């Protein structure tokens, strides 16, 4: 049978990537003018979106195998997805603010 555990692992890894990229952007920005910050911001938002999609696919898997008890924990998934999206937006907004003030846009 299909093992969907990789969906959760992929979601976790991509969520971390979504947060690490803006942090790297901010640290590079302090040392030098990083001209690739727009591409890195797009990658960060993409990683966040894919991470949330993987959670949706995992929940679809749970519905298909009729694991209703696992689906009862949707509140935790909703909160985690919200935190992932909000923190990703805030980190990338901070990057935008930093580079906008440096005149690199």
N, C-alpha and C. Protein backbone atom coordinates (compact mmCIF):
# COMPACT_ATOMS: atom_id res chain seq x y z
N UNK A 1 0.84 -1.19 0.00
CA UNK A 1 0.00 0.00 0.00
C UNK A 1 0.88 1.25 0.00
N UNK A 2 0.34 2.31 -0.49
CA UNK A 2 1.03 3.60 -0.61
C UNK A 2 1.33 4.19 0.76
N UNK A 3 2.58 4.58 0.99
CA UNK A 3 2.95 5.23 2.24
C UNK A 3 3.03 6.72 2.01
N UNK A 4 2.18 7.47 2.68
CA UNK A 4 2.10 8.91 2.47
C UNK A 4 2.91 9.69 3.50
N UNK A 5 3.73 9.02 4.27
CA UNK A 5 4.54 9.70 5.27
C UNK A 5 5.50 10.71 4.67
N UNK A 6 5.92 10.46 3.43
CA UNK A 6 6.84 11.40 2.75
C UNK A 6 6.18 12.76 2.52
N UNK A 7 4.84 12.80 2.46
CA UNK A 7 4.15 14.08 2.29
C UNK A 7 4.39 14.99 3.50
N UNK A 8 4.36 14.42 4.70
CA UNK A 8 4.63 15.20 5.91
C UNK A 8 6.09 15.62 5.99
N UNK A 9 6.98 14.72 5.63
CA UNK A 9 8.42 15.05 5.66
C UNK A 9 8.72 16.15 4.63
N UNK A 10 8.17 16.00 3.43
CA UNK A 10 8.36 17.02 2.41
C UNK A 10 7.80 18.36 2.82
N UNK A 11 6.65 18.34 3.46
CA UNK A 11 6.03 19.57 3.94
C UNK A 11 6.90 20.25 4.99
N UNK A 12 7.45 19.47 5.90
CA UNK A 12 8.32 20.02 6.93
C UNK A 12 9.59 20.63 6.33
N UNK A 13 10.22 19.89 5.41
CA UNK A 13 11.45 20.37 4.78
C UNK A 13 11.19 21.65 3.99
N UNK A 14 10.12 21.67 3.20
CA UNK A 14 9.82 22.85 2.41
C UNK A 14 9.41 24.04 3.29
N UNK A 15 8.75 23.76 4.41
CA UNK A 15 8.42 24.82 5.35
C UNK A 15 9.68 25.46 5.93
N UNK A 16 10.64 24.62 6.27
CA UNK A 16 11.92 25.14 6.77
C UNK A 16 12.65 25.94 5.69
N UNK A 17 12.62 25.45 4.46
CA UNK A 17 13.24 26.17 3.35
C UNK A 17 12.59 27.55 3.19
N UNK A 18 11.25 27.59 3.32
CA UNK A 18 10.53 28.85 3.17
C UNK A 18 10.98 29.87 4.22
N UNK A 19 11.40 29.41 5.39
CA UNK A 19 11.87 30.31 6.45
C UNK A 19 13.36 30.60 6.36
N UNK A 20 14.14 29.62 5.93
CA UNK A 20 15.60 29.78 5.91
C UNK A 20 16.03 30.74 4.79
N UNK A 21 15.37 30.67 3.65
CA UNK A 21 15.77 31.53 2.52
C UNK A 21 15.70 33.02 2.87
N UNK A 22 14.61 33.52 3.47
CA UNK A 22 14.60 34.94 3.81
C UNK A 22 15.65 35.31 4.87
N UNK A 23 15.91 34.38 5.79
CA UNK A 23 16.95 34.64 6.80
C UNK A 23 18.30 34.78 6.12
N UNK A 24 18.58 33.91 5.16
CA UNK A 24 19.84 34.01 4.40
C UNK A 24 19.85 35.32 3.63
N UNK A 25 18.73 35.66 3.02
CA UNK A 25 18.61 36.93 2.29
C UNK A 25 18.94 38.11 3.19
N UNK A 26 18.43 38.07 4.42
CA UNK A 26 18.65 39.18 5.35
C UNK A 26 20.10 39.24 5.81
N UNK A 27 20.73 38.09 6.03
CA UNK A 27 22.14 38.10 6.46
C UNK A 27 23.06 38.53 5.33
N UNK A 28 22.78 38.09 4.14
CA UNK A 28 23.60 38.53 3.00
C UNK A 28 23.40 40.02 2.77
N UNK A 29 22.17 40.48 2.95
CA UNK A 29 21.87 41.88 2.72
C UNK A 29 22.64 42.81 3.63
N UNK A 30 22.97 42.36 4.83
CA UNK A 30 23.72 43.19 5.75
C UNK A 30 25.18 43.32 5.32
N UNK A 31 25.69 42.31 4.63
CA UNK A 31 27.11 42.29 4.27
C UNK A 31 27.37 42.85 2.88
N UNK A 32 26.45 42.62 1.95
CA UNK A 32 26.66 43.07 0.57
C UNK A 32 25.31 43.28 -0.09
N UNK A 33 25.31 43.88 -1.23
CA UNK A 33 24.07 44.08 -1.97
C UNK A 33 23.73 42.79 -2.71
N UNK A 34 22.74 42.08 -2.23
CA UNK A 34 22.35 40.82 -2.83
C UNK A 34 21.37 41.10 -3.98
N UNK A 35 21.80 40.87 -5.20
CA UNK A 35 20.97 41.17 -6.36
C UNK A 35 19.99 40.05 -6.70
N UNK A 36 20.06 38.92 -6.04
CA UNK A 36 19.17 37.79 -6.33
C UNK A 36 18.04 37.69 -5.32
N UNK A 37 17.81 38.73 -4.54
CA UNK A 37 16.82 38.64 -3.48
C UNK A 37 15.41 38.43 -3.99
N UNK A 38 15.07 38.94 -5.17
CA UNK A 38 13.72 38.76 -5.71
C UNK A 38 13.48 37.28 -6.05
N UNK A 39 14.45 36.66 -6.70
CA UNK A 39 14.32 35.24 -7.04
C UNK A 39 14.24 34.39 -5.77
N UNK A 40 15.04 34.72 -4.78
CA UNK A 40 15.01 33.96 -3.52
C UNK A 40 13.68 34.15 -2.80
N UNK A 41 13.11 35.33 -2.88
CA UNK A 41 11.80 35.57 -2.27
C UNK A 41 10.72 34.74 -2.95
N UNK A 42 10.79 34.67 -4.27
CA UNK A 42 9.81 33.85 -5.02
C UNK A 42 9.97 32.38 -4.65
N UNK A 43 11.21 31.92 -4.52
CA UNK A 43 11.45 30.52 -4.12
C UNK A 43 10.90 30.27 -2.72
N UNK A 44 11.08 31.22 -1.83
CA UNK A 44 10.58 31.08 -0.46
C UNK A 44 9.06 30.95 -0.44
N UNK A 45 8.36 31.83 -1.15
CA UNK A 45 6.90 31.75 -1.21
C UNK A 45 6.44 30.46 -1.89
N UNK A 46 7.17 30.03 -2.91
CA UNK A 46 6.83 28.78 -3.59
C UNK A 46 6.98 27.58 -2.66
N UNK A 47 8.05 27.56 -1.89
CA UNK A 47 8.27 26.47 -0.94
C UNK A 47 7.15 26.44 0.10
N UNK A 48 6.73 27.60 0.55
CA UNK A 48 5.62 27.68 1.51
C UNK A 48 4.34 27.12 0.90
N UNK A 49 4.03 27.53 -0.32
CA UNK A 49 2.81 27.07 -0.99
C UNK A 49 2.83 25.56 -1.22
N UNK A 50 3.97 25.04 -1.64
CA UNK A 50 4.07 23.60 -1.88
C UNK A 50 3.96 22.82 -0.57
N UNK A 51 4.55 23.35 0.51
CA UNK A 51 4.44 22.70 1.82
C UNK A 51 2.99 22.58 2.25
N UNK A 52 2.22 23.65 2.05
CA UNK A 52 0.81 23.61 2.41
C UNK A 52 0.04 22.65 1.50
N UNK A 53 0.38 22.64 0.21
CA UNK A 53 -0.25 21.69 -0.72
C UNK A 53 0.02 20.24 -0.32
N UNK A 54 1.23 19.96 0.12
CA UNK A 54 1.55 18.59 0.55
C UNK A 54 0.69 18.18 1.75
N UNK A 55 0.40 19.12 2.64
CA UNK A 55 -0.48 18.81 3.76
C UNK A 55 -1.91 18.54 3.28
N UNK A 56 -2.35 19.28 2.28
CA UNK A 56 -3.67 19.04 1.71
C UNK A 56 -3.72 17.65 1.07
N UNK A 57 -2.66 17.28 0.34
CA UNK A 57 -2.62 15.95 -0.27
C UNK A 57 -2.58 14.85 0.78
N UNK A 58 -1.90 15.11 1.90
CA UNK A 58 -1.87 14.12 2.98
C UNK A 58 -3.27 13.94 3.56
N UNK A 59 -3.99 15.03 3.72
CA UNK A 59 -5.36 14.93 4.24
C UNK A 59 -6.28 14.22 3.24
N UNK A 60 -6.05 14.43 1.95
CA UNK A 60 -6.80 13.70 0.93
C UNK A 60 -6.52 12.20 1.04
N UNK A 61 -5.26 11.86 1.28
CA UNK A 61 -4.89 10.46 1.49
C UNK A 61 -5.64 9.87 2.69
N UNK A 62 -5.72 10.64 3.78
CA UNK A 62 -6.43 10.16 4.97
C UNK A 62 -7.91 9.96 4.69
N UNK A 63 -8.49 10.82 3.87
CA UNK A 63 -9.90 10.64 3.49
C UNK A 63 -10.05 9.39 2.64
N UNK A 64 -9.14 9.19 1.69
CA UNK A 64 -9.23 8.02 0.81
C UNK A 64 -9.11 6.70 1.56
N UNK A 65 -8.29 6.68 2.62
CA UNK A 65 -8.17 5.43 3.39
C UNK A 65 -9.16 5.40 4.57
N UNK A 66 -9.97 6.45 4.64
CA UNK A 66 -11.02 6.57 5.66
C UNK A 66 -10.47 6.51 7.07
N UNK A 67 -9.39 7.22 7.31
CA UNK A 67 -8.81 7.33 8.66
C UNK A 67 -9.39 8.58 9.32
N UNK A 68 -10.62 8.44 9.80
CA UNK A 68 -11.34 9.59 10.34
C UNK A 68 -10.74 10.09 11.65
N UNK A 69 -10.14 9.22 12.41
CA UNK A 69 -9.54 9.67 13.67
C UNK A 69 -8.34 10.59 13.42
N UNK A 70 -7.57 10.31 12.38
CA UNK A 70 -6.44 11.18 12.05
C UNK A 70 -6.93 12.53 11.53
N UNK A 71 -8.05 12.52 10.84
CA UNK A 71 -8.60 13.77 10.32
C UNK A 71 -9.17 14.65 11.43
N UNK A 72 -9.43 14.06 12.58
CA UNK A 72 -9.95 14.87 13.69
C UNK A 72 -8.92 15.85 14.22
N UNK A 73 -7.66 15.69 13.81
CA UNK A 73 -6.59 16.59 14.25
C UNK A 73 -6.33 17.70 13.24
N UNK A 74 -7.31 18.04 12.44
CA UNK A 74 -7.15 19.07 11.42
C UNK A 74 -6.87 20.45 12.00
N UNK A 75 -7.31 20.70 13.23
CA UNK A 75 -7.06 22.00 13.85
C UNK A 75 -5.56 22.26 13.94
N UNK A 76 -4.78 21.26 14.31
CA UNK A 76 -3.32 21.42 14.42
C UNK A 76 -2.70 21.71 13.05
N UNK A 77 -3.18 21.03 12.03
CA UNK A 77 -2.67 21.26 10.67
C UNK A 77 -3.03 22.67 10.21
N UNK A 78 -4.24 23.11 10.51
CA UNK A 78 -4.66 24.46 10.13
C UNK A 78 -3.82 25.52 10.83
N UNK A 79 -3.54 25.32 12.12
CA UNK A 79 -2.72 26.27 12.87
C UNK A 79 -1.29 26.27 12.34
N UNK A 80 -0.73 25.10 12.10
CA UNK A 80 0.64 25.02 11.59
C UNK A 80 0.75 25.67 10.21
N UNK A 81 -0.22 25.45 9.35
CA UNK A 81 -0.21 26.06 8.02
C UNK A 81 -0.32 27.58 8.11
N UNK A 82 -1.15 28.05 9.03
CA UNK A 82 -1.29 29.49 9.22
C UNK A 82 0.01 30.10 9.72
N UNK A 83 0.64 29.46 10.69
CA UNK A 83 1.92 29.96 11.21
C UNK A 83 2.96 29.97 10.10
N UNK A 84 3.02 28.91 9.31
CA UNK A 84 3.97 28.84 8.21
C UNK A 84 3.76 30.00 7.24
N UNK A 85 2.52 30.23 6.84
CA UNK A 85 2.24 31.31 5.88
C UNK A 85 2.55 32.69 6.47
N UNK A 86 2.12 32.93 7.71
CA UNK A 86 2.32 34.25 8.33
C UNK A 86 3.80 34.54 8.52
N UNK A 87 4.56 33.59 9.05
CA UNK A 87 5.99 33.81 9.28
C UNK A 87 6.72 34.00 7.95
N UNK A 88 6.35 33.22 6.93
CA UNK A 88 6.97 33.38 5.61
C UNK A 88 6.69 34.77 5.05
N UNK A 89 5.47 35.22 5.17
CA UNK A 89 5.12 36.56 4.68
C UNK A 89 5.88 37.63 5.45
N UNK A 90 5.95 37.51 6.76
CA UNK A 90 6.66 38.51 7.57
C UNK A 90 8.15 38.55 7.24
N UNK A 91 8.78 37.39 7.12
CA UNK A 91 10.21 37.36 6.81
C UNK A 91 10.50 37.96 5.43
N UNK A 92 9.66 37.62 4.46
CA UNK A 92 9.87 38.16 3.12
C UNK A 92 9.51 39.65 3.05
N UNK A 93 8.54 40.10 3.84
CA UNK A 93 8.23 41.52 3.90
C UNK A 93 9.39 42.29 4.51
N UNK A 94 10.02 41.70 5.51
CA UNK A 94 11.20 42.33 6.11
C UNK A 94 12.33 42.44 5.08
N UNK A 95 12.50 41.40 4.29
CA UNK A 95 13.50 41.43 3.21
C UNK A 95 13.17 42.54 2.21
N UNK A 96 11.90 42.62 1.81
CA UNK A 96 11.48 43.67 0.89
C UNK A 96 11.76 45.05 1.48
N UNK A 97 11.44 45.24 2.75
CA UNK A 97 11.68 46.52 3.41
C UNK A 97 13.17 46.86 3.44
N UNK A 98 14.00 45.87 3.74
CA UNK A 98 15.45 46.09 3.80
C UNK A 98 16.00 46.51 2.44
N UNK A 99 15.64 45.79 1.39
CA UNK A 99 16.18 46.07 0.07
C UNK A 99 15.54 47.31 -0.55
N UNK A 100 14.31 47.60 -0.21
CA UNK A 100 13.66 48.81 -0.71
C UNK A 100 14.36 50.05 -0.18
N UNK A 101 14.74 50.01 1.08
CA UNK A 101 15.45 51.15 1.68
C UNK A 101 16.87 51.29 1.18
N UNK A 102 17.43 50.23 0.61
CA UNK A 102 18.79 50.30 0.07
C UNK A 102 18.81 50.71 -1.38
N UNK A 103 17.63 50.85 -1.97
CA UNK A 103 17.57 51.31 -3.35
C UNK A 103 17.95 50.27 -4.38
N UNK A 104 17.74 48.97 -4.08
CA UNK A 104 18.12 47.92 -5.02
C UNK A 104 16.94 47.44 -5.85
N UNK A 105 15.81 48.08 -5.75
CA UNK A 105 14.65 47.63 -6.52
C UNK A 105 14.69 48.16 -7.93
